[in-house]
């Protein structure tokens, strides 16, 4: 036991009556562990203060980092939104440009088709007119040839039959009362 604690115990013991046993136990504890407990409490209080200050620093650092992170995320979000809007505007402009070019191409194609159709109609009309003119010419030529053949045939028939030829005869090609030609007698 510590000599000062023993002296203190003896001095107390002589002046007072015997304290209750619980109080004695507390005194023994105080004598034996009092300095250690006070030192421990002082160190614990200092550590608690350190932990509290470091915890506050950590909270402040965390809050600052979160604020910086939130600001960065907000800037990035705004930048992404702006980029998305500009991309969207560029896409809309490109789509409008493509649509305009497509409309122009369709209009030009329609004009070309109309010109081709008009040209085709003109060509068909000209071709029909040409065929009609050629057919009329062919019919006229056939009629003229038929009339010529008929008149030649009638002359030949008249020569064979001995009848005078009818120059103003029908041009229908039908000979009424056609006679069979008589064979000529051979002259010796």
N, C-alpha and C. Protein backbone atom coordinates (compact mmCIF):
# COMPACT_ATOMS: atom_id res chain seq x y z
N UNK A 1 0.81 -1.16 0.00
CA UNK A 1 0.00 0.00 0.00
C UNK A 1 0.87 1.24 0.00
N UNK A 2 0.37 2.27 -0.52
CA UNK A 2 1.08 3.54 -0.60
C UNK A 2 1.22 4.14 0.81
N UNK A 3 2.42 4.63 1.22
CA UNK A 3 2.59 5.14 2.58
C UNK A 3 1.71 6.34 2.86
N UNK A 4 1.50 7.23 1.92
CA UNK A 4 0.66 8.39 2.19
C UNK A 4 -0.78 7.99 2.33
N UNK A 5 -1.19 7.00 1.57
CA UNK A 5 -2.56 6.52 1.67
C UNK A 5 -2.75 5.84 3.01
N UNK A 6 -1.74 5.11 3.48
CA UNK A 6 -1.82 4.44 4.76
C UNK A 6 -1.90 5.47 5.89
N UNK A 7 -1.12 6.50 5.76
CA UNK A 7 -1.12 7.53 6.80
C UNK A 7 -2.46 8.23 6.81
N UNK A 8 -3.00 8.44 5.68
CA UNK A 8 -4.29 9.09 5.60
C UNK A 8 -5.35 8.20 6.19
N UNK A 9 -5.26 6.93 5.92
CA UNK A 9 -6.22 5.98 6.45
C UNK A 9 -6.12 5.91 7.97
N UNK A 10 -4.94 5.93 8.46
CA UNK A 10 -4.76 5.87 9.91
C UNK A 10 -5.26 7.14 10.58
N UNK A 11 -5.01 8.25 9.97
CA UNK A 11 -5.48 9.49 10.57
C UNK A 11 -6.99 9.56 10.56
N UNK A 12 -7.61 9.05 9.60
CA UNK A 12 -9.06 9.04 9.53
C UNK A 12 -9.61 8.03 10.53
N UNK A 13 -8.94 6.97 10.59
CA UNK A 13 -9.42 5.92 11.48
C UNK A 13 -9.37 6.34 12.95
N UNK A 14 -8.49 7.15 13.33
CA UNK A 14 -8.37 7.55 14.71
C UNK A 14 -9.36 8.61 15.09
N UNK A 15 -9.76 9.43 14.18
CA UNK A 15 -10.64 10.52 14.51
C UNK A 15 -12.09 10.15 14.37
N UNK A 16 -12.41 9.25 13.56
CA UNK A 16 -13.82 8.88 13.30
C UNK A 16 -14.08 7.50 13.79
N UNK A 17 -15.32 7.29 13.87
CA UNK A 17 -15.74 5.94 14.19
C UNK A 17 -15.67 5.12 12.93
N UNK A 18 -15.79 3.88 12.99
CA UNK A 18 -15.66 3.00 11.84
C UNK A 18 -16.75 3.32 10.82
N UNK A 19 -16.33 3.71 9.63
CA UNK A 19 -17.31 4.02 8.60
C UNK A 19 -17.98 2.76 8.09
N UNK A 20 -19.06 2.93 7.45
CA UNK A 20 -19.74 1.75 6.92
C UNK A 20 -18.86 1.05 5.91
N UNK A 21 -19.01 -0.23 5.76
CA UNK A 21 -18.13 -1.01 4.90
C UNK A 21 -18.15 -0.53 3.45
N UNK A 22 -19.25 -0.03 2.91
CA UNK A 22 -19.29 0.41 1.51
C UNK A 22 -18.42 1.63 1.35
N UNK A 23 -18.44 2.50 2.34
CA UNK A 23 -17.63 3.69 2.27
C UNK A 23 -16.16 3.33 2.34
N UNK A 24 -15.82 2.35 3.12
CA UNK A 24 -14.44 1.88 3.22
C UNK A 24 -13.98 1.34 1.88
N UNK A 25 -14.83 0.61 1.23
CA UNK A 25 -14.48 0.02 -0.06
C UNK A 25 -14.23 1.13 -1.07
N UNK A 26 -15.04 2.18 -1.00
CA UNK A 26 -14.85 3.30 -1.92
C UNK A 26 -13.53 3.99 -1.64
N UNK A 27 -13.21 4.10 -0.36
CA UNK A 27 -11.96 4.75 -0.01
C UNK A 27 -10.78 3.91 -0.48
N UNK A 28 -10.89 2.62 -0.35
CA UNK A 28 -9.81 1.73 -0.78
C UNK A 28 -9.65 1.87 -2.30
N UNK A 29 -10.75 1.89 -2.95
CA UNK A 29 -10.69 2.04 -4.41
C UNK A 29 -10.05 3.37 -4.76
N UNK A 30 -10.44 4.40 -4.04
CA UNK A 30 -9.88 5.72 -4.30
C UNK A 30 -8.39 5.71 -4.04
N UNK A 31 -7.98 5.09 -3.01
CA UNK A 31 -6.56 5.06 -2.67
C UNK A 31 -5.81 4.25 -3.72
N UNK A 32 -6.33 3.08 -4.05
CA UNK A 32 -5.62 2.20 -4.97
C UNK A 32 -5.69 2.71 -6.42
N UNK A 33 -6.87 3.04 -6.85
CA UNK A 33 -7.06 3.33 -8.28
C UNK A 33 -7.41 4.78 -8.57
N UNK A 34 -7.50 5.63 -7.61
CA UNK A 34 -7.95 7.01 -7.79
C UNK A 34 -7.14 7.78 -8.81
N UNK A 35 -5.83 7.74 -8.68
CA UNK A 35 -4.97 8.48 -9.60
C UNK A 35 -5.08 7.91 -11.01
N UNK A 36 -5.14 6.59 -11.09
CA UNK A 36 -5.24 5.94 -12.41
C UNK A 36 -6.57 6.29 -13.05
N UNK A 37 -7.65 6.25 -12.26
CA UNK A 37 -8.99 6.53 -12.79
C UNK A 37 -9.05 7.99 -13.24
N UNK A 38 -8.51 8.91 -12.42
CA UNK A 38 -8.54 10.32 -12.81
C UNK A 38 -7.71 10.53 -14.09
N UNK A 39 -6.54 9.89 -14.13
CA UNK A 39 -5.71 9.99 -15.33
C UNK A 39 -6.45 9.40 -16.53
N UNK A 40 -7.10 8.27 -16.30
CA UNK A 40 -7.87 7.61 -17.37
C UNK A 40 -9.03 8.51 -17.81
N UNK A 41 -9.74 9.12 -16.86
CA UNK A 41 -10.86 10.01 -17.19
C UNK A 41 -10.36 11.22 -17.95
N UNK A 42 -9.20 11.77 -17.53
CA UNK A 42 -8.62 12.92 -18.22
C UNK A 42 -8.25 12.53 -19.66
N UNK A 43 -7.60 11.38 -19.83
CA UNK A 43 -7.24 10.90 -21.17
C UNK A 43 -8.49 10.61 -21.99
N UNK A 44 -9.48 10.01 -21.35
CA UNK A 44 -10.73 9.69 -22.04
C UNK A 44 -11.42 10.98 -22.49
N UNK A 45 -11.44 12.00 -21.62
CA UNK A 45 -12.06 13.27 -21.98
C UNK A 45 -11.30 13.91 -23.15
N UNK A 46 -9.95 13.82 -23.09
CA UNK A 46 -9.15 14.38 -24.17
C UNK A 46 -9.42 13.62 -25.47
N UNK A 47 -9.49 12.29 -25.39
CA UNK A 47 -9.76 11.47 -26.58
C UNK A 47 -11.16 11.77 -27.11
N UNK A 48 -12.14 11.90 -26.20
CA UNK A 48 -13.50 12.23 -26.63
C UNK A 48 -13.52 13.57 -27.34
N UNK A 49 -12.78 14.55 -26.79
CA UNK A 49 -12.69 15.85 -27.45
C UNK A 49 -12.04 15.73 -28.82
N UNK A 50 -10.95 14.92 -28.88
CA UNK A 50 -10.28 14.69 -30.16
C UNK A 50 -11.21 14.02 -31.16
N UNK A 51 -11.91 12.98 -30.69
CA UNK A 51 -12.84 12.26 -31.57
C UNK A 51 -13.94 13.20 -32.03
N UNK A 52 -14.46 14.02 -31.09
CA UNK A 52 -15.52 14.96 -31.45
C UNK A 52 -15.02 15.97 -32.47
N UNK A 53 -13.81 16.52 -32.24
CA UNK A 53 -13.29 17.52 -33.19
C UNK A 53 -12.98 16.87 -34.54
N UNK A 54 -12.40 15.65 -34.51
CA UNK A 54 -12.12 14.96 -35.78
C UNK A 54 -13.42 14.58 -36.47
N UNK A 55 -14.42 14.17 -35.67
CA UNK A 55 -15.73 13.85 -36.27
C UNK A 55 -16.34 15.08 -36.91
N UNK A 56 -16.21 16.24 -36.22
CA UNK A 56 -16.72 17.49 -36.78
C UNK A 56 -15.96 17.85 -38.04
N UNK A 57 -14.63 17.66 -38.02
CA UNK A 57 -13.82 17.92 -39.22
C UNK A 57 -14.24 16.99 -40.36
N UNK A 58 -14.45 15.71 -40.01
CA UNK A 58 -14.90 14.75 -41.04
C UNK A 58 -16.26 15.15 -41.60
N UNK A 59 -17.17 15.56 -40.70
CA UNK A 59 -18.49 16.01 -41.16
C UNK A 59 -18.35 17.23 -42.07
N UNK A 60 -17.50 18.18 -41.66
CA UNK A 60 -17.29 19.38 -42.47
C UNK A 60 -16.65 19.01 -43.81
N UNK A 61 -15.63 18.13 -43.77
CA UNK A 61 -14.99 17.69 -45.02
C UNK A 61 -15.99 16.95 -45.91
N UNK A 62 -16.77 16.08 -45.28
CA UNK A 62 -17.77 15.31 -46.03
C UNK A 62 -18.80 16.26 -46.64
N UNK A 63 -19.26 17.23 -45.83
CA UNK A 63 -20.24 18.20 -46.32
C UNK A 63 -19.64 18.99 -47.48
N UNK A 64 -18.37 19.42 -47.33
CA UNK A 64 -17.70 20.17 -48.38
C UNK A 64 -17.56 19.32 -49.64
N UNK A 65 -17.15 18.06 -49.47
CA UNK A 65 -17.00 17.15 -50.62
C UNK A 65 -18.34 16.90 -51.30
N UNK A 66 -19.38 16.75 -50.47
CA UNK A 66 -20.72 16.53 -51.05
C UNK A 66 -21.15 17.78 -51.81
N UNK A 67 -20.89 18.96 -51.25
CA UNK A 67 -21.24 20.20 -51.95
C UNK A 67 -20.49 20.31 -53.27
N UNK A 68 -19.18 19.98 -53.23
CA UNK A 68 -18.38 20.02 -54.46
C UNK A 68 -18.93 19.00 -55.46
N UNK A 69 -19.24 17.80 -54.97
CA UNK A 69 -19.77 16.76 -55.84
C UNK A 69 -21.12 17.17 -56.41
N UNK A 70 -21.99 17.74 -55.57
CA UNK A 70 -23.29 18.21 -56.06
C UNK A 70 -23.12 19.29 -57.12
N UNK A 71 -22.20 20.23 -56.87
CA UNK A 71 -21.95 21.29 -57.84
C UNK A 71 -21.43 20.70 -59.15
N UNK A 72 -20.52 19.73 -59.04
CA UNK A 72 -19.98 19.09 -60.25
C UNK A 72 -21.08 18.34 -61.00
N UNK A 73 -21.89 17.60 -60.26
CA UNK A 73 -22.99 16.85 -60.89
C UNK A 73 -23.96 17.82 -61.54
N UNK A 74 -24.25 18.94 -60.86
CA UNK A 74 -25.17 19.93 -61.43
C UNK A 74 -24.58 20.52 -62.70
N UNK A 75 -23.27 20.87 -62.67
CA UNK A 75 -22.63 21.41 -63.87
C UNK A 75 -22.67 20.39 -65.01
N UNK A 76 -22.34 19.15 -64.68
CA UNK A 76 -22.34 18.10 -65.71
C UNK A 76 -23.75 17.87 -66.25
N UNK A 77 -24.73 17.88 -65.36
CA UNK A 77 -26.12 17.70 -65.79
C UNK A 77 -26.55 18.85 -66.70
N UNK A 78 -26.20 20.08 -66.29
CA UNK A 78 -26.53 21.23 -67.13
C UNK A 78 -25.82 21.15 -68.47
N UNK A 79 -24.54 20.75 -68.43
CA UNK A 79 -23.78 20.62 -69.68
C UNK A 79 -24.38 19.54 -70.57
N UNK A 80 -24.76 18.41 -69.96
CA UNK A 80 -25.38 17.34 -70.74
C UNK A 80 -26.72 17.80 -71.31
N UNK A 81 -27.49 18.53 -70.50
CA UNK A 81 -28.77 19.05 -70.99
C UNK A 81 -28.58 20.01 -72.15
N UNK A 82 -27.59 20.90 -72.00
CA UNK A 82 -27.30 21.85 -73.07
C UNK A 82 -26.82 21.11 -74.32
N UNK A 83 -25.96 20.13 -74.12
CA UNK A 83 -25.46 19.33 -75.25
C UNK A 83 -26.60 18.58 -75.92
N UNK A 84 -27.48 18.01 -75.10
CA UNK A 84 -28.62 17.27 -75.65
C UNK A 84 -29.53 18.21 -76.44
N UNK A 85 -29.77 19.41 -75.91
CA UNK A 85 -30.61 20.37 -76.62
C UNK A 85 -29.96 20.81 -77.94
N UNK A 86 -28.64 21.06 -77.90
CA UNK A 86 -27.97 21.46 -79.14
C UNK A 86 -27.95 20.31 -80.14
N UNK A 87 -27.75 19.09 -79.65
CA UNK A 87 -27.80 17.92 -80.54
C UNK A 87 -29.20 17.78 -81.14
N UNK A 88 -30.21 17.96 -80.29
CA UNK A 88 -31.59 17.85 -80.75
C UNK A 88 -31.88 18.92 -81.80
N UNK A 89 -31.42 20.16 -81.53
CA UNK A 89 -31.62 21.24 -82.49
C UNK A 89 -30.91 20.93 -83.80
N UNK A 90 -29.69 20.38 -83.71
CA UNK A 90 -28.94 20.02 -84.92
C UNK A 90 -29.65 18.90 -85.68
N UNK A 91 -30.19 17.93 -84.94
CA UNK A 91 -30.91 16.83 -85.59
C UNK A 91 -32.18 17.34 -86.26
N UNK A 92 -32.90 18.24 -85.57
CA UNK A 92 -34.12 18.80 -86.15
C UNK A 92 -33.78 19.58 -87.42
N UNK A 93 -32.69 20.37 -87.34
CA UNK A 93 -32.28 21.14 -88.52
C UNK A 93 -31.89 20.19 -89.66
N UNK A 94 -31.16 19.13 -89.33
CA UNK A 94 -30.75 18.16 -90.35
C UNK A 94 -31.98 17.46 -90.94
N UNK A 95 -32.93 17.08 -90.08
CA UNK A 95 -34.15 16.43 -90.57
C UNK A 95 -34.95 17.38 -91.45
N UNK A 96 -35.05 18.65 -91.04
CA UNK A 96 -35.76 19.62 -91.86
C UNK A 96 -35.06 19.80 -93.20
N UNK A 97 -33.74 19.82 -93.19
CA UNK A 97 -32.97 19.94 -94.42
C UNK A 97 -33.21 18.74 -95.33
N UNK A 98 -33.16 17.55 -94.74
CA UNK A 98 -33.41 16.33 -95.52
C UNK A 98 -34.83 16.32 -96.06
N UNK A 99 -35.79 16.75 -95.22
CA UNK A 99 -37.19 16.78 -95.67
C UNK A 99 -37.36 17.77 -96.82
N UNK A 100 -36.71 18.95 -96.71
CA UNK A 100 -36.79 19.94 -97.77
C UNK A 100 -36.16 19.40 -99.05
N UNK A 101 -34.99 18.77 -98.92
CA UNK A 101 -34.33 18.19 -100.09
C UNK A 101 -35.20 17.09 -100.71
N UNK A 102 -35.84 16.29 -99.86
CA UNK A 102 -36.72 15.23 -100.37
C UNK A 102 -37.91 15.84 -101.10
N UNK A 103 -38.51 16.91 -100.51
CA UNK A 103 -39.63 17.57 -101.19
C UNK A 103 -39.19 18.14 -102.53
N UNK A 104 -38.00 18.78 -102.55
CA UNK A 104 -37.49 19.33 -103.80
C UNK A 104 -37.25 18.23 -104.82
N UNK A 105 -36.67 17.12 -104.36
CA UNK A 105 -36.40 16.00 -105.27
C UNK A 105 -37.70 15.42 -105.81
N UNK A 106 -38.70 15.29 -104.93
CA UNK A 106 -40.00 14.76 -105.37
C UNK A 106 -40.63 15.71 -106.37
N UNK A 107 -40.56 17.03 -106.10
CA UNK A 107 -41.13 18.00 -107.02
C UNK A 107 -40.42 17.94 -108.37
N UNK A 108 -39.09 17.85 -108.35
CA UNK A 108 -38.33 17.76 -109.59
C UNK A 108 -38.66 16.46 -110.33
N UNK A 109 -38.79 15.38 -109.57
CA UNK A 109 -39.15 14.10 -110.17
C UNK A 109 -40.54 14.17 -110.78
N UNK A 110 -41.48 14.81 -110.07
CA UNK A 110 -42.83 14.98 -110.62
C UNK A 110 -42.79 15.78 -111.92
N UNK A 111 -41.97 16.84 -111.96
CA UNK A 111 -41.86 17.63 -113.18
C UNK A 111 -41.28 16.80 -114.32
N UNK A 112 -40.25 16.02 -114.00
CA UNK A 112 -39.66 15.17 -115.04
C UNK A 112 -40.66 14.13 -115.54
N UNK A 113 -41.40 13.53 -114.59
CA UNK A 113 -42.40 12.53 -114.98
C UNK A 113 -43.47 13.19 -115.85
N UNK A 114 -43.91 14.40 -115.46
CA UNK A 114 -44.92 15.11 -116.26
C UNK A 114 -44.39 15.39 -117.65
N UNK A 115 -43.12 15.85 -117.73
CA UNK A 115 -42.53 16.10 -119.05
C UNK A 115 -42.46 14.82 -119.87
N UNK A 116 -42.04 13.72 -119.21
CA UNK A 116 -41.97 12.44 -119.92
C UNK A 116 -43.35 12.00 -120.38
N UNK A 117 -44.35 12.16 -119.49
CA UNK A 117 -45.72 11.77 -119.87
C UNK A 117 -46.20 12.63 -121.03
N UNK A 118 -45.94 13.95 -120.96
CA UNK A 118 -46.34 14.83 -122.06
C UNK A 118 -45.63 14.44 -123.35
N UNK A 119 -44.33 14.15 -123.24
CA UNK A 119 -43.58 13.72 -124.41
C UNK A 119 -44.10 12.40 -124.96
N UNK A 120 -44.44 11.49 -124.05
CA UNK A 120 -44.99 10.20 -124.46
C UNK A 120 -46.34 10.38 -125.14
N UNK A 121 -47.18 11.25 -124.57
CA UNK A 121 -48.49 11.51 -125.19
C UNK A 121 -48.30 12.12 -126.57
N UNK A 122 -47.39 13.10 -126.67
CA UNK A 122 -47.12 13.71 -127.99
C UNK A 122 -46.58 12.68 -128.97
N UNK A 123 -45.65 11.85 -128.50
CA UNK A 123 -45.07 10.83 -129.38
C UNK A 123 -46.14 9.84 -129.82
N UNK A 124 -47.01 9.43 -128.86
CA UNK A 124 -48.08 8.51 -129.23
C UNK A 124 -49.04 9.16 -130.23
N UNK A 125 -49.38 10.44 -129.99
CA UNK A 125 -50.28 11.14 -130.91
C UNK A 125 -49.63 11.27 -132.29
N UNK A 126 -48.35 11.66 -132.30
CA UNK A 126 -47.65 11.77 -133.58
C UNK A 126 -47.55 10.42 -134.27
N UNK A 127 -47.27 9.38 -133.48
CA UNK A 127 -47.16 8.04 -134.06
C UNK A 127 -48.51 7.58 -134.62
N UNK A 128 -49.57 7.84 -133.86
CA UNK A 128 -50.92 7.47 -134.35
C UNK A 128 -51.25 8.23 -135.62
N UNK A 129 -50.92 9.53 -135.62
CA UNK A 129 -51.19 10.34 -136.80
C UNK A 129 -50.39 9.83 -137.99
N UNK A 130 -49.14 9.46 -137.72
CA UNK A 130 -48.29 8.94 -138.80
C UNK A 130 -48.86 7.62 -139.32
N UNK A 131 -49.27 6.75 -138.37
CA UNK A 131 -49.87 5.47 -138.80
C UNK A 131 -51.15 5.72 -139.57
N UNK A 132 -51.97 6.67 -139.09
CA UNK A 132 -53.22 7.00 -139.78
C UNK A 132 -52.93 7.54 -141.17
N UNK A 133 -51.96 8.45 -141.26
CA UNK A 133 -51.61 9.01 -142.57
C UNK A 133 -51.10 7.91 -143.50
N UNK A 134 -50.24 7.04 -142.97
CA UNK A 134 -49.73 5.95 -143.79
C UNK A 134 -50.85 5.00 -144.19
N UNK A 135 -51.78 4.74 -143.25
CA UNK A 135 -52.90 3.84 -143.56
C UNK A 135 -53.78 4.47 -144.63
N UNK A 136 -54.04 5.79 -144.49
CA UNK A 136 -54.84 6.47 -145.52
C UNK A 136 -54.12 6.42 -146.86
N UNK A 137 -52.82 6.66 -146.83
CA UNK A 137 -52.03 6.59 -148.07
C UNK A 137 -52.07 5.19 -148.66
N UNK A 138 -51.97 4.17 -147.78
CA UNK A 138 -52.01 2.79 -148.24
C UNK A 138 -53.39 2.47 -148.82
N UNK A 139 -54.44 2.93 -148.11
CA UNK A 139 -55.80 2.68 -148.62
C UNK A 139 -55.98 3.38 -149.96
N UNK A 140 -55.53 4.63 -150.06
CA UNK A 140 -55.65 5.38 -151.31
C UNK A 140 -54.84 4.71 -152.42
N UNK A 141 -53.65 4.27 -152.06
CA UNK A 141 -52.80 3.59 -153.03
C UNK A 141 -53.46 2.28 -153.46
N UNK A 142 -54.02 1.55 -152.47
CA UNK A 142 -54.70 0.29 -152.79
C UNK A 142 -55.90 0.55 -153.69
N UNK A 143 -56.65 1.59 -153.38
CA UNK A 143 -57.82 1.93 -154.17
C UNK A 143 -57.39 2.29 -155.60
N UNK A 144 -56.36 3.09 -155.69
CA UNK A 144 -55.87 3.51 -157.00
C UNK A 144 -55.36 2.29 -157.78
N UNK A 145 -54.64 1.41 -157.10
CA UNK A 145 -54.13 0.21 -157.74
C UNK A 145 -55.28 -0.70 -158.17
N UNK A 146 -56.28 -0.82 -157.29
CA UNK A 146 -57.44 -1.64 -157.62
C UNK A 146 -58.18 -1.08 -158.83
N UNK A 147 -58.36 0.26 -158.82
CA UNK A 147 -59.05 0.88 -159.97
C UNK A 147 -58.26 0.66 -161.26
N UNK A 148 -56.95 0.79 -161.14
CA UNK A 148 -56.10 0.59 -162.31
C UNK A 148 -56.18 -0.86 -162.78
N UNK A 149 -56.13 -1.79 -161.81
CA UNK A 149 -56.23 -3.21 -162.16
C UNK A 149 -57.59 -3.52 -162.78
N UNK A 150 -58.63 -2.91 -162.22
CA UNK A 150 -59.97 -3.15 -162.74
C UNK A 150 -60.10 -2.64 -164.17
N UNK A 151 -59.57 -1.44 -164.38
CA UNK A 151 -59.69 -0.91 -165.75
C UNK A 151 -58.86 -1.75 -166.72
N UNK A 152 -57.68 -2.19 -166.27
CA UNK A 152 -56.85 -3.04 -167.12
C UNK A 152 -57.56 -4.36 -167.37
N UNK A 153 -58.14 -4.92 -166.34
CA UNK A 153 -58.85 -6.19 -166.46
C UNK A 153 -60.04 -6.04 -167.39
N UNK A 154 -60.77 -4.96 -167.26
CA UNK A 154 -61.92 -4.74 -168.13
C UNK A 154 -61.48 -4.57 -169.58
N UNK A 155 -60.38 -3.88 -169.79
CA UNK A 155 -59.88 -3.73 -171.17
C UNK A 155 -59.48 -5.07 -171.75
N UNK A 156 -58.80 -5.84 -170.92
CA UNK A 156 -58.37 -7.15 -171.39
C UNK A 156 -59.58 -8.03 -171.67
N UNK A 157 -60.58 -7.95 -170.78
CA UNK A 157 -61.79 -8.73 -171.01
C UNK A 157 -62.49 -8.29 -172.29
N UNK A 158 -62.49 -7.01 -172.47
CA UNK A 158 -63.14 -6.48 -173.68
C UNK A 158 -62.39 -6.94 -174.92
N UNK A 159 -61.10 -7.00 -174.82
CA UNK A 159 -60.31 -7.46 -175.95
C UNK A 159 -60.63 -8.93 -176.20
N UNK A 160 -60.72 -9.71 -175.18
CA UNK A 160 -61.02 -11.13 -175.34
C UNK A 160 -62.44 -11.37 -175.80
N UNK A 161 -63.33 -10.60 -175.32
CA UNK A 161 -64.74 -10.82 -175.66
C UNK A 161 -65.13 -10.06 -176.91
N UNK A 162 -64.38 -9.14 -177.29
CA UNK A 162 -64.66 -8.38 -178.49
C UNK A 162 -65.62 -7.25 -178.22
N UNK A 163 -65.90 -6.91 -177.05
CA UNK A 163 -66.78 -5.79 -176.72
C UNK A 163 -65.95 -4.54 -176.51
N UNK A 164 -66.58 -3.40 -176.77
CA UNK A 164 -65.83 -2.16 -176.52
C UNK A 164 -65.63 -1.97 -175.01
N UNK A 165 -64.51 -1.44 -174.66
CA UNK A 165 -64.20 -1.26 -173.22
C UNK A 165 -65.00 -0.10 -172.68
N UNK A 166 -65.40 -0.24 -171.47
CA UNK A 166 -66.16 0.83 -170.81
C UNK A 166 -65.19 1.59 -169.92
N UNK A 167 -64.89 2.75 -170.33
CA UNK A 167 -63.95 3.54 -169.54
C UNK A 167 -64.61 4.08 -168.30
N UNK A 168 -65.87 4.30 -168.38
CA UNK A 168 -66.58 4.87 -167.23
C UNK A 168 -67.30 3.81 -166.45
N UNK A 169 -66.87 2.55 -166.52
CA UNK A 169 -67.51 1.43 -165.84
C UNK A 169 -67.36 1.51 -164.33
N UNK A 170 -68.06 0.63 -163.71
CA UNK A 170 -68.00 0.63 -162.24
C UNK A 170 -66.60 0.30 -161.75
N UNK A 171 -66.26 0.94 -160.68
CA UNK A 171 -64.93 0.73 -160.12
C UNK A 171 -65.01 -0.19 -158.92
N UNK A 172 -66.11 -0.87 -158.80
CA UNK A 172 -66.28 -1.71 -157.62
C UNK A 172 -65.51 -3.00 -157.76
N UNK A 173 -65.13 -3.34 -158.96
CA UNK A 173 -64.35 -4.54 -159.16
C UNK A 173 -65.23 -5.74 -159.48
N UNK A 174 -66.55 -5.58 -159.51
CA UNK A 174 -67.44 -6.69 -159.83
C UNK A 174 -67.88 -6.49 -161.28
N UNK A 175 -67.70 -7.48 -162.06
CA UNK A 175 -68.09 -7.40 -163.47
C UNK A 175 -69.40 -8.14 -163.60
N UNK A 176 -70.41 -7.40 -164.05
CA UNK A 176 -71.71 -8.01 -164.16
C UNK A 176 -71.76 -8.84 -165.45
N UNK A 177 -72.36 -9.95 -165.27
CA UNK A 177 -72.53 -10.81 -166.43
C UNK A 177 -71.21 -11.17 -167.05
N UNK A 178 -70.31 -11.50 -166.24
CA UNK A 178 -68.99 -11.81 -166.74
C UNK A 178 -69.07 -13.04 -167.62
N UNK A 179 -68.40 -12.92 -168.70
CA UNK A 179 -68.39 -14.03 -169.63
C UNK A 179 -67.03 -14.66 -169.56
N UNK A 180 -67.06 -15.88 -169.84
CA UNK A 180 -65.79 -16.56 -169.88
C UNK A 180 -65.14 -16.23 -171.21
N UNK A 181 -63.92 -15.96 -171.23
CA UNK A 181 -63.26 -15.60 -172.49
C UNK A 181 -63.25 -16.81 -173.45
N UNK A 182 -63.47 -16.50 -174.68
CA UNK A 182 -63.46 -17.54 -175.69
C UNK A 182 -62.04 -17.68 -176.21
N UNK A 183 -61.68 -18.88 -176.45
CA UNK A 183 -60.33 -19.05 -176.95
C UNK A 183 -60.22 -18.52 -178.37
N UNK A 184 -59.12 -17.95 -178.70
CA UNK A 184 -58.89 -17.37 -180.03
C UNK A 184 -58.51 -18.47 -181.00
N UNK A 185 -58.94 -18.22 -182.12
CA UNK A 185 -58.58 -19.17 -183.15
C UNK A 185 -57.18 -18.85 -183.63
N UNK A 186 -56.50 -19.87 -183.80
CA UNK A 186 -55.12 -19.65 -184.20
C UNK A 186 -55.07 -19.37 -185.70
N UNK A 187 -54.30 -18.44 -186.02
CA UNK A 187 -54.13 -18.11 -187.44
C UNK A 187 -52.95 -18.90 -187.98
N UNK A 188 -53.17 -19.44 -189.14
CA UNK A 188 -52.10 -20.20 -189.73
C UNK A 188 -51.46 -19.50 -190.85
